[in-house]
Amino acid sequence: MRSFILFLFVALTSGVAFAQIRFSGSNHIEYSHNSSDDVARQAANRRDFFEDWTEGHAQYRRWRLGLRVESHNAPPIFAPDQTIRKAGLTQRFIEYEASSLKLTLGHFYSLLGRGLTLRFYENRQLRHDARIDGFKGEYVHKYFEAKLLAGQPINRENQRQKIFEAGELKLKPFKAIHLGGTMLTTHPDTKRRVSWGSFYAEINAKHGSIYGEYAQEDDPNAAQAPPRIDQILGKRSGAGAAWYVNANILLGAFSLSAEYKDYEDFEQFEGAYFNNPPLVAREHLYTLLNRHQLVQDADDEKGYAFEAAYPVIKDGVFTAQYSRTNDQAGAIKYEEYYSQFEWTTPFDWEWFLAVARQDDPSARYLNFVNSTTCALSDFNALKIVYEHQHTKKFLDDQQFYDQALTVGFSHAPSWTLSFLGERTTEHRLQTDYWLGGQLDWNFLKNFDLSLFAGSRRKGKVCAGGVCVIKPELEGVEVTLITRF
């Protein structure tokens, strides 16, 4: 009888506990049939590509469990080693979170400071997934914050690297003043121990803010390390230091921001990239502007950026920006002049106009963007985006222009149907135009479907100074995201 009562008690309490568990998750599927000869040649005549990310979470009171299963059969440009990127369990973690304390065991992402010493993150558009398998503890107090972590980095080919330890301490003696520091220790081999550390300060006031961070590398056994190619060529000084400063001023409706960077020998790569400092250049969402953005090189960069914004008319804001990046020897690597005007008209149309000049050592790009969104009714809208870019190559003085047009009709909040076209006068290409149609549809609240059919140009896609070449597409591409 006692055994039966004990069994009944356990069953009832287990049922109550199970009822308190909250489950959630998502599934991200991408499929494409690509008849492009260029992609088929790289992928050993494969024309069908498939990728899937399935995540599940279970939460019970303060505890949270997470799992992710992935399957990759992508173009080589996104998955350079198909023998390593296989289907299987790629992430699992358990997390405990109280009011001020958060503990994580398993896979996680992390950022220390502004990313000078450590930044592990995922950007699915770039197929960038640098994560850590280990332990992380975070504690938040009114006057300080502390973070400790240790584990093994995992690179985009799903390979584990050597273990490291890291931490961050932020002091908040006053509401407007924060002081902090980060520390990272890596072990490239059994005889070497490399330390990376930074100190930062932040002041927030009514009319502005300023943030500054200085980081330095300490490798006492650097002489034992095998020489890198840039050391052999004399491009590295061995200083291993980085500066980053950001300042903002707010005077009524006028705003001004300024950034400065000085990165020397500070690209930290040990099988995986550990850090990703601020880019200090404007990041663009429009296709042609984004295609020629700066690619970050934390080993050899020095530069600055300024941006000012002011509402010149009612509901109309003008923004001007300038950025320049040199190498440590003073030679220009990237320069941009950019201005834009955003205006919401009295009849609720949204108008956007931008002009820009981008320069790098190989070419000069003159850009024009016009985007107009017309509200046709309470639920229907028409959006037209036109992009024009004139290119001048310095090596052979070749000149040509590219144009991109997007026309989209949307019915809120369910679907958008778009026409996408691009053409070029660049003679060395086999094709001078690309056309396609796309349907973006949210249905049953939890499903997001994107269907593209037609052709799309091969080109660079960038975010945060990290860039990939998005492959050419001739065929069909389907993306389905499900939340449950």
Protein backbone atom coordinates (compact mmCIF):
# COMPACT_ATOMS: atom_id res chain seq x y z
CA MET A 1 0.00 0.00 0.00
CA ARG A 2 2.80 2.38 0.90
CA SER A 3 4.52 1.56 -2.40
CA PHE A 4 1.32 2.30 -4.31
CA ILE A 5 0.88 5.64 -2.48
CA LEU A 6 4.51 6.55 -3.19
CA PHE A 7 4.07 5.63 -6.88
CA LEU A 8 0.86 7.66 -7.09
CA PHE A 9 2.57 10.68 -5.44
CA VAL A 10 5.52 10.54 -7.84
CA ALA A 11 3.19 10.17 -10.85
CA LEU A 12 1.02 13.10 -9.77
CA THR A 13 3.94 15.41 -8.97
CA SER A 14 5.68 14.43 -12.21
CA GLY A 15 2.51 15.21 -14.13
CA VAL A 16 2.24 18.59 -12.45
CA ALA A 17 5.90 19.32 -13.17
CA PHE A 18 5.50 18.26 -16.81
CA ALA A 19 2.47 20.48 -17.16
CA GLN A 20 4.61 23.42 -16.03
CA ILE A 21 7.18 22.86 -18.78
CA ARG A 22 6.89 25.29 -21.69
CA PHE A 23 8.04 24.06 -25.08
CA SER A 24 9.02 26.23 -28.02
CA GLY A 25 11.08 25.93 -31.14
CA SER A 26 11.61 26.78 -34.77
CA ASN A 27 12.50 25.18 -38.06
CA HIS A 28 14.39 26.99 -40.85
CA ILE A 29 14.51 25.25 -44.25
CA GLU A 30 16.24 26.51 -47.38
CA TYR A 31 16.02 24.68 -50.69
CA SER A 32 17.19 25.74 -54.14
CA HIS A 33 17.32 24.21 -57.58
CA ASN A 34 20.11 26.04 -59.37
CA SER A 35 20.80 25.45 -63.05
CA SER A 36 23.74 27.91 -63.11
CA ASP A 37 26.76 26.30 -64.77
CA ASP A 38 29.12 28.18 -62.43
CA VAL A 39 27.52 26.74 -59.29
CA ALA A 40 27.15 23.26 -60.79
CA ARG A 41 30.85 23.24 -61.73
CA GLN A 42 31.88 24.12 -58.17
CA ALA A 43 29.50 21.58 -56.66
CA ALA A 44 30.49 18.61 -58.85
CA ASN A 45 27.44 19.00 -61.09
CA ARG A 46 24.97 19.15 -58.19
CA ARG A 47 22.02 21.43 -58.86
CA ASP A 48 19.80 20.82 -55.82
CA PHE A 49 20.82 22.28 -52.46
CA PHE A 50 19.17 21.90 -49.08
CA GLU A 51 19.83 23.23 -45.59
CA ASP A 52 17.84 22.87 -42.38
CA TRP A 53 18.10 24.26 -38.85
CA THR A 54 15.70 22.79 -36.27
CA GLU A 55 15.75 24.19 -32.73
CA GLY A 56 13.79 23.13 -29.68
CA HIS A 57 13.60 24.67 -26.19
CA ALA A 58 12.02 23.45 -22.96
CA GLN A 59 11.67 25.77 -19.96
CA TYR A 60 10.78 24.72 -16.42
CA ARG A 61 10.73 27.55 -13.92
CA ARG A 62 14.29 28.96 -13.96
CA TRP A 63 15.75 26.18 -16.11
CA ARG A 64 15.95 26.13 -19.89
CA LEU A 65 17.13 23.34 -22.18
CA GLY A 66 18.02 23.91 -25.84
CA LEU A 67 18.86 21.61 -28.75
CA ARG A 68 19.63 22.29 -32.42
CA VAL A 69 19.87 19.79 -35.27
CA GLU A 70 21.31 20.90 -38.62
CA SER A 71 21.57 19.40 -42.07
CA HIS A 72 23.72 21.05 -44.76
CA ASN A 73 23.98 20.28 -48.43
CA ALA A 74 24.80 23.81 -49.59
CA PRO A 75 26.81 25.36 -52.43
CA PRO A 76 30.55 25.12 -51.63
CA ILE A 77 30.76 28.89 -51.18
CA PHE A 78 28.66 28.53 -48.00
CA ALA A 79 29.95 25.11 -46.90
CA PRO A 80 33.59 24.80 -48.02
CA ASP A 81 34.08 21.30 -46.60
CA GLN A 82 31.10 19.03 -47.19
CA THR A 83 32.88 16.09 -45.53
CA ILE A 84 32.81 17.95 -42.18
CA ARG A 85 29.44 19.69 -42.35
CA LYS A 86 27.12 16.73 -41.94
CA ALA A 87 23.64 16.34 -40.55
CA GLY A 88 23.48 15.94 -36.80
CA LEU A 89 23.15 17.55 -33.39
CA THR A 90 25.16 20.78 -33.53
CA GLN A 91 24.06 22.61 -30.39
CA ARG A 92 22.84 21.65 -26.93
CA PHE A 93 22.78 23.68 -23.74
CA ILE A 94 21.19 23.92 -20.34
CA GLU A 95 20.65 27.32 -18.75
CA TYR A 96 19.70 28.54 -15.29
CA GLU A 97 18.53 32.13 -14.84
CA ALA A 98 17.62 33.90 -11.60
CA SER A 99 17.03 37.60 -11.04
CA SER A 100 20.72 38.56 -11.25
CA LEU A 101 22.46 35.31 -12.15
CA LYS A 102 22.60 33.41 -15.42
CA LEU A 103 24.54 30.15 -15.90
CA THR A 104 24.96 28.33 -19.20
CA LEU A 105 26.49 24.92 -19.85
CA GLY A 106 26.91 23.73 -23.43
CA HIS A 107 26.87 25.81 -26.61
CA PHE A 108 26.51 29.59 -26.51
CA TYR A 109 27.55 32.89 -28.14
CA SER A 110 29.25 35.75 -26.35
CA LEU A 111 30.54 39.31 -26.63
CA LEU A 112 33.13 41.03 -24.44
CA GLY A 113 33.27 44.83 -24.53
CA ARG A 114 32.72 45.94 -28.13
CA GLY A 115 34.27 42.80 -29.59
CA LEU A 116 37.94 43.82 -29.65
CA THR A 117 39.03 40.75 -27.69
CA LEU A 118 36.11 38.35 -28.17
CA ARG A 119 32.93 38.10 -30.20
CA PHE A 120 31.35 34.76 -31.09
CA TYR A 121 28.09 35.09 -33.02
CA GLU A 122 25.87 33.64 -35.72
CA ASN A 123 24.82 35.33 -38.96
CA ARG A 124 22.81 32.83 -40.98
CA GLN A 125 22.73 35.04 -44.08
CA LEU A 126 26.54 34.83 -44.25
CA ARG A 127 26.61 31.21 -43.09
CA HIS A 128 28.79 32.42 -40.23
CA ASP A 129 28.38 30.37 -37.05
CA ALA A 130 31.22 30.73 -34.54
CA ARG A 131 30.08 29.34 -31.19
CA ILE A 132 31.58 28.12 -27.95
CA ASP A 133 31.10 24.77 -26.22
CA GLY A 134 31.76 25.24 -22.52
CA PHE A 135 30.54 27.21 -19.51
CA LYS A 136 29.40 30.82 -19.08
CA GLY A 137 28.37 32.60 -15.92
CA GLU A 138 26.91 36.13 -15.80
CA TYR A 139 26.02 38.21 -12.75
CA VAL A 140 24.35 41.64 -12.85
CA HIS A 141 24.37 43.96 -9.83
CA LYS A 142 23.37 47.58 -9.40
CA TYR A 143 27.02 48.64 -9.16
CA PHE A 144 28.83 46.00 -11.23
CA GLU A 145 28.47 43.25 -13.82
CA ALA A 146 30.67 40.16 -14.14
CA LYS A 147 31.01 37.54 -16.84
CA LEU A 148 33.18 34.41 -16.85
CA LEU A 149 33.44 31.83 -19.62
CA ALA A 150 35.59 28.94 -20.72
CA GLY A 151 35.33 26.39 -23.47
CA GLN A 152 36.28 25.32 -26.95
CA PRO A 153 35.52 27.48 -30.01
CA ILE A 154 33.79 25.74 -32.92
CA ASN A 155 34.41 27.11 -36.40
CA ARG A 156 32.16 27.15 -39.47
CA GLU A 157 33.35 23.65 -40.47
CA ASN A 158 32.08 22.38 -37.09
CA GLN A 159 35.62 21.67 -35.83
CA ARG A 160 36.55 22.07 -32.17
CA GLN A 161 39.55 24.22 -31.31
CA LYS A 162 41.74 24.40 -28.20
CA ILE A 163 40.18 25.49 -24.92
CA PHE A 164 40.33 29.08 -23.70
CA GLU A 165 39.28 31.14 -20.66
CA ALA A 166 37.83 34.65 -20.66
CA GLY A 167 36.01 37.18 -18.51
CA GLU A 168 34.67 40.70 -18.23
CA LEU A 169 34.12 43.01 -15.27
CA LYS A 170 32.10 46.22 -15.56
CA LEU A 171 31.97 48.70 -12.68
CA LYS A 172 29.06 51.16 -12.42
CA PRO A 173 30.00 53.55 -9.60
CA PHE A 174 27.65 56.19 -11.02
CA LYS A 175 24.66 55.92 -13.32
CA ALA A 176 26.42 57.91 -16.03
CA ILE A 177 29.91 56.38 -15.70
CA HIS A 178 30.90 52.78 -16.44
CA LEU A 179 34.41 51.34 -16.25
CA GLY A 180 35.40 47.84 -17.27
CA GLY A 181 37.89 45.41 -18.63
CA THR A 182 38.05 42.11 -20.49
CA MET A 183 40.57 39.27 -20.41
CA LEU A 184 41.10 36.30 -22.70
CA THR A 185 43.67 33.50 -22.46
CA THR A 186 44.26 31.08 -25.32
CA HIS A 187 46.54 28.06 -25.66
CA PRO A 188 47.68 27.73 -29.31
CA ASP A 189 49.89 24.76 -28.38
CA THR A 190 51.17 22.99 -25.29
CA LYS A 191 54.11 25.40 -24.83
CA ARG A 192 52.36 28.71 -25.52
CA ARG A 193 49.89 30.81 -23.59
CA VAL A 194 48.62 34.03 -25.15
CA SER A 195 46.71 36.72 -23.25
CA TRP A 196 44.40 39.34 -24.77
CA GLY A 197 43.04 42.09 -22.56
CA SER A 198 41.22 45.38 -22.81
CA PHE A 199 40.14 48.32 -20.67
CA TYR A 200 37.14 50.50 -21.48
CA ALA A 201 35.28 53.51 -20.12
CA GLU A 202 31.84 54.88 -20.95
CA ILE A 203 30.18 58.18 -20.03
CA ASN A 204 26.49 58.81 -20.72
CA ALA A 205 25.13 62.33 -20.35
CA LYS A 206 21.96 64.17 -21.28
CA HIS A 207 23.37 65.58 -24.50
CA GLY A 208 25.71 62.81 -25.55
CA SER A 209 27.94 59.86 -24.72
CA ILE A 210 31.49 58.66 -25.24
CA TYR A 211 32.95 55.15 -25.22
CA GLY A 212 36.61 54.20 -25.47
CA GLU A 213 38.34 50.81 -25.37
CA TYR A 214 42.01 49.88 -25.61
CA ALA A 215 43.11 46.26 -26.11
CA GLN A 216 46.52 44.60 -26.20
CA GLU A 217 48.00 41.18 -26.86
CA ASP A 218 50.62 39.58 -24.61
CA ASP A 219 52.45 36.59 -26.09
CA PRO A 220 55.60 35.95 -24.01
CA ASN A 221 56.53 32.96 -26.19
CA ALA A 222 55.93 34.61 -29.55
CA ALA A 223 59.42 33.64 -30.71
CA GLN A 224 58.42 29.95 -30.53
CA ALA A 225 55.39 30.45 -32.79
CA PRO A 226 55.67 29.55 -36.49
CA PRO A 227 55.95 32.69 -38.64
CA ARG A 228 52.86 33.86 -40.49
CA ILE A 229 53.03 34.91 -44.13
CA ASP A 230 52.38 38.57 -43.26
CA GLN A 231 55.26 38.46 -40.75
CA ILE A 232 57.55 37.08 -43.45
CA LEU A 233 56.50 39.93 -45.77
CA GLY A 234 57.18 42.45 -43.01
CA LYS A 235 53.57 43.62 -42.67
CA ARG A 236 53.22 42.87 -38.95
CA SER A 237 54.92 44.91 -36.26
CA GLY A 238 54.24 42.45 -33.45
CA ALA A 239 52.64 45.20 -31.30
CA GLY A 240 49.26 43.48 -31.07
CA ALA A 241 47.12 46.45 -29.99
CA ALA A 242 43.75 48.00 -30.81
CA TRP A 243 41.96 51.27 -30.08
CA TYR A 244 38.28 52.06 -30.53
CA VAL A 245 36.47 55.30 -29.62
CA ASN A 246 32.85 56.30 -30.20
CA ALA A 247 31.28 59.67 -29.33
CA ASN A 248 27.73 60.98 -29.79
CA ILE A 249 26.31 64.49 -29.38
CA LEU A 250 22.56 65.28 -29.17
CA LEU A 251 21.53 68.93 -29.37
CA GLY A 252 17.78 69.10 -29.79
CA ALA A 253 16.93 67.55 -33.13
CA PHE A 254 20.58 67.63 -34.29
CA SER A 255 22.79 64.57 -33.76
CA LEU A 256 26.47 64.02 -34.47
CA SER A 257 28.48 60.84 -34.03
CA ALA A 258 32.17 60.11 -34.50
CA GLU A 259 34.17 56.85 -34.43
CA TYR A 260 37.88 56.09 -34.47
CA LYS A 261 39.78 52.81 -34.81
CA ASP A 262 43.40 51.71 -34.80
CA TYR A 263 43.82 47.93 -35.18
CA GLU A 264 47.34 46.58 -35.54
CA ASP A 265 48.18 42.85 -35.48
CA PHE A 266 44.87 42.21 -33.75
CA GLU A 267 43.04 39.69 -35.91
CA GLN A 268 42.80 36.77 -33.53
CA PHE A 269 42.55 33.50 -35.43
CA GLU A 270 43.32 30.14 -33.87
CA GLY A 271 41.30 27.74 -36.01
CA ALA A 272 38.32 30.06 -35.45
CA TYR A 273 37.98 33.82 -35.39
CA PHE A 274 37.73 35.04 -31.79
CA ASN A 275 37.18 38.76 -32.30
CA ASN A 276 35.25 41.14 -34.54
CA PRO A 277 35.95 44.79 -33.62
CA PRO A 278 33.61 47.60 -34.76
CA LEU A 279 33.86 48.26 -38.49
CA VAL A 280 33.86 52.10 -38.30
CA ALA A 281 32.13 52.45 -41.66
CA ARG A 282 28.50 52.66 -42.65
CA GLU A 283 26.76 49.33 -43.26
CA HIS A 284 24.34 49.32 -46.19
CA LEU A 285 21.23 47.23 -46.75
CA TYR A 286 20.78 48.13 -50.42
CA THR A 287 22.23 45.58 -52.86
CA LEU A 288 24.70 47.64 -54.91
CA LEU A 289 25.98 49.70 -51.97
CA ASN A 290 26.43 46.58 -49.85
CA ARG A 291 28.34 44.78 -52.59
CA HIS A 292 31.39 47.06 -52.26
CA GLN A 293 31.63 47.58 -48.50
CA LEU A 294 34.82 47.41 -46.50
CA VAL A 295 36.09 43.94 -45.60
CA GLN A 296 37.56 44.15 -42.11
CA ASP A 297 41.26 43.41 -41.51
CA ALA A 298 41.95 43.83 -37.80
CA ASP A 299 45.65 43.21 -38.45
CA ASP A 300 46.16 46.40 -40.42
CA GLU A 301 43.52 49.14 -40.13
CA LYS A 302 43.36 52.71 -38.96
CA GLY A 303 40.43 55.02 -39.66
CA TYR A 304 37.53 57.17 -38.60
CA ALA A 305 33.91 58.00 -39.44
CA PHE A 306 31.61 61.00 -38.89
CA GLU A 307 27.85 61.17 -39.23
CA ALA A 308 25.41 64.07 -38.72
CA ALA A 309 21.60 64.12 -38.96
CA TYR A 310 19.05 66.94 -38.81
CA PRO A 311 15.34 67.28 -39.71
CA VAL A 312 15.54 69.94 -42.42
CA ILE A 313 11.74 69.92 -42.92
CA LYS A 314 8.80 68.47 -41.03
CA ASP A 315 9.06 64.65 -41.02
CA GLY A 316 12.12 64.92 -43.28
CA VAL A 317 15.60 64.04 -41.97
CA PHE A 318 18.86 64.67 -43.82
CA THR A 319 21.90 62.54 -42.92
CA ALA A 320 25.51 62.97 -44.07
CA GLN A 321 28.35 60.56 -43.36
CA TYR A 322 32.06 60.25 -44.17
CA SER A 323 34.39 57.36 -43.39
CA ARG A 324 37.96 56.50 -44.27
CA THR A 325 40.14 53.47 -43.51
CA ASN A 326 43.89 53.31 -44.15
CA ASP A 327 46.46 50.65 -43.50
CA GLN A 328 49.11 51.29 -40.86
CA ALA A 329 51.45 52.65 -43.53
CA GLY A 330 48.90 55.31 -44.48
CA ALA A 331 47.68 53.89 -47.80
CA ILE A 332 43.94 54.14 -48.33
CA LYS A 333 41.91 50.92 -48.10
CA TYR A 334 38.37 52.34 -48.19
CA GLU A 335 36.74 55.77 -48.34
CA GLU A 336 33.08 56.73 -48.53
CA TYR A 337 31.03 59.91 -48.87
CA TYR A 338 27.36 59.24 -48.14
CA SER A 339 24.20 61.32 -47.73
CA GLN A 340 20.52 60.45 -47.52
CA PHE A 341 17.16 62.15 -47.14
CA GLU A 342 14.14 60.42 -45.58
CA TRP A 343 10.71 62.03 -45.73
CA THR A 344 7.23 60.95 -44.70
CA THR A 345 4.93 63.06 -46.85
CA PRO A 346 1.67 64.65 -45.61
CA PHE A 347 -0.28 61.86 -47.36
CA ASP A 348 1.83 59.14 -45.59
CA TRP A 349 4.06 58.20 -48.49
CA GLU A 350 7.63 57.33 -47.50
CA TRP A 351 10.38 58.67 -49.73
CA PHE A 352 14.10 57.82 -49.44
CA LEU A 353 16.94 59.25 -51.52
CA ALA A 354 20.65 58.46 -51.12
CA VAL A 355 23.84 59.31 -53.01
CA ALA A 356 27.27 57.91 -52.20
CA ARG A 357 30.81 57.58 -53.45
CA GLN A 358 32.86 54.52 -52.45
CA ASP A 359 36.58 54.18 -53.19
CA ASP A 360 38.93 51.26 -52.68
CA PRO A 361 42.40 50.58 -54.16
CA SER A 362 40.91 48.95 -57.26
CA ALA A 363 37.92 51.13 -58.21
CA ARG A 364 35.60 54.06 -57.61
CA TYR A 365 31.83 53.59 -57.28
CA LEU A 366 29.22 56.35 -57.63
CA ASN A 367 25.82 55.35 -56.20
CA PHE A 368 22.26 56.62 -56.37
CA VAL A 369 19.29 55.05 -54.53
CA ASN A 370 15.64 56.05 -54.63
CA SER A 371 12.99 54.23 -52.61
CA THR A 372 9.32 55.20 -52.58
CA THR A 373 6.56 53.53 -50.57
CA CYS A 374 3.00 54.47 -51.53
CA ALA A 375 0.10 53.65 -49.24
CA LEU A 376 -2.74 52.67 -51.59
CA SER A 377 -5.20 51.84 -48.81
CA ASP A 378 -5.23 50.81 -45.16
CA PHE A 379 -3.84 47.38 -46.04
CA ASN A 380 -2.19 47.72 -49.45
CA ALA A 381 1.05 49.45 -50.39
CA LEU A 382 3.37 49.72 -53.37
CA LYS A 383 7.16 50.02 -52.91
CA ILE A 384 9.63 50.85 -55.68
CA VAL A 385 13.40 50.78 -55.13
CA TYR A 386 15.79 51.91 -57.87
CA GLU A 387 19.58 51.63 -57.53
CA HIS A 388 22.21 52.92 -59.94
CA GLN A 389 25.97 52.45 -59.62
CA HIS A 390 28.74 53.72 -61.91
CA THR A 391 32.08 51.92 -61.64
CA LYS A 392 35.50 53.06 -62.78
CA LYS A 393 38.32 50.50 -62.59
CA PHE A 394 41.73 52.04 -61.91
CA LEU A 395 43.86 49.27 -63.45
CA ASP A 396 42.50 49.41 -67.01
CA ASP A 397 40.32 52.55 -66.80
CA GLN A 398 37.26 50.43 -67.62
CA GLN A 399 33.92 52.10 -66.87
CA PHE A 400 30.42 50.61 -66.68
CA TYR A 401 27.23 50.91 -64.68
CA ASP A 402 24.90 48.55 -62.82
CA GLN A 403 21.21 49.08 -62.16
CA ALA A 404 18.84 47.25 -59.82
CA LEU A 405 15.06 47.63 -59.62
CA THR A 406 12.62 46.19 -57.08
CA VAL A 407 8.87 46.66 -57.36
CA GLY A 408 6.83 45.21 -54.54
CA PHE A 409 3.10 45.10 -53.79
CA SER A 410 2.19 44.20 -50.20
CA HIS A 411 -1.06 43.35 -48.46
CA ALA A 412 -0.59 43.82 -44.71
CA PRO A 413 0.04 41.79 -42.71
CA SER A 414 0.06 38.69 -44.90
CA TRP A 415 2.02 38.85 -48.14
CA THR A 416 4.30 40.79 -50.48
CA LEU A 417 4.81 40.06 -54.17
CA SER A 418 7.96 41.57 -55.72
CA PHE A 419 9.66 41.87 -59.08
CA LEU A 420 13.49 42.05 -58.95
CA GLY A 421 15.71 42.97 -61.84
CA GLU A 422 19.36 43.89 -62.36
CA ARG A 423 21.38 44.79 -65.42
CA THR A 424 24.97 45.76 -66.17
CA THR A 425 27.05 47.19 -69.02
CA GLU A 426 30.18 45.34 -67.87
CA HIS A 427 31.30 43.58 -71.05
CA ARG A 428 33.38 40.80 -69.53
CA LEU A 429 30.31 39.06 -68.10
CA GLN A 430 28.44 36.41 -70.08
CA THR A 431 25.07 37.76 -68.90
CA ASP A 432 24.07 41.40 -68.71
CA TYR A 433 20.70 41.13 -66.96
CA TRP A 434 18.97 39.08 -64.23
CA LEU A 435 15.20 38.89 -63.61
CA GLY A 436 13.14 37.24 -60.91
CA GLY A 437 9.97 37.29 -58.86
CA GLN A 438 9.56 36.74 -55.14
CA LEU A 439 6.64 35.96 -52.85
CA ASP A 440 6.95 36.60 -49.09
CA TRP A 441 3.96 35.17 -47.23
CA ASN A 442 3.15 34.95 -43.53
CA PHE A 443 0.35 32.46 -42.96
CA LEU A 444 -1.26 30.84 -39.93
CA LYS A 445 0.79 33.34 -37.84
CA ASN A 446 3.67 30.92 -37.30
CA PHE A 447 4.82 30.31 -40.88
CA ASP A 448 7.01 32.59 -43.03
CA LEU A 449 7.47 31.49 -46.62
CA SER A 450 9.79 33.13 -49.16
CA LEU A 451 9.71 31.84 -52.74
CA PHE A 452 12.04 33.20 -55.42
CA ALA A 453 12.02 32.14 -59.07
CA GLY A 454 14.26 33.47 -61.83
CA SER A 455 17.89 34.53 -61.93
CA ARG A 456 20.03 36.42 -59.42
CA ARG A 457 23.50 37.85 -59.88
CA LYS A 458 26.52 36.55 -58.05
CA GLY A 459 27.89 39.15 -55.64
CA LYS A 460 29.43 40.05 -52.32
CA VAL A 461 27.20 40.27 -49.23
CA CYS A 462 28.60 41.91 -46.08
CA ALA A 463 27.68 42.44 -42.43
CA GLY A 464 29.98 43.84 -39.75
CA GLY A 465 33.01 43.68 -42.04
CA VAL A 466 32.54 39.96 -42.67
CA CYS A 467 31.70 39.18 -46.31
CA VAL A 468 30.84 36.16 -48.44
CA ILE A 469 30.15 35.75 -52.15
CA LYS A 470 26.50 34.84 -52.62
CA PRO A 471 26.39 32.38 -55.54
CA GLU A 472 24.63 33.02 -58.82
CA LEU A 473 21.12 31.60 -59.00
CA GLU A 474 19.19 30.40 -62.03
CA GLY A 475 16.13 28.53 -60.87
CA VAL A 476 14.08 28.39 -57.70
CA GLU A 477 14.89 29.19 -54.08
CA VAL A 478 12.52 28.46 -51.19
CA THR A 479 12.85 29.46 -47.54
CA LEU A 480 10.33 28.33 -44.93
CA ILE A 481 10.57 29.38 -41.27
CA THR A 482 8.22 27.72 -38.79
CA ARG A 483 7.77 28.76 -35.16
CA PHE A 484 6.07 26.48 -32.66
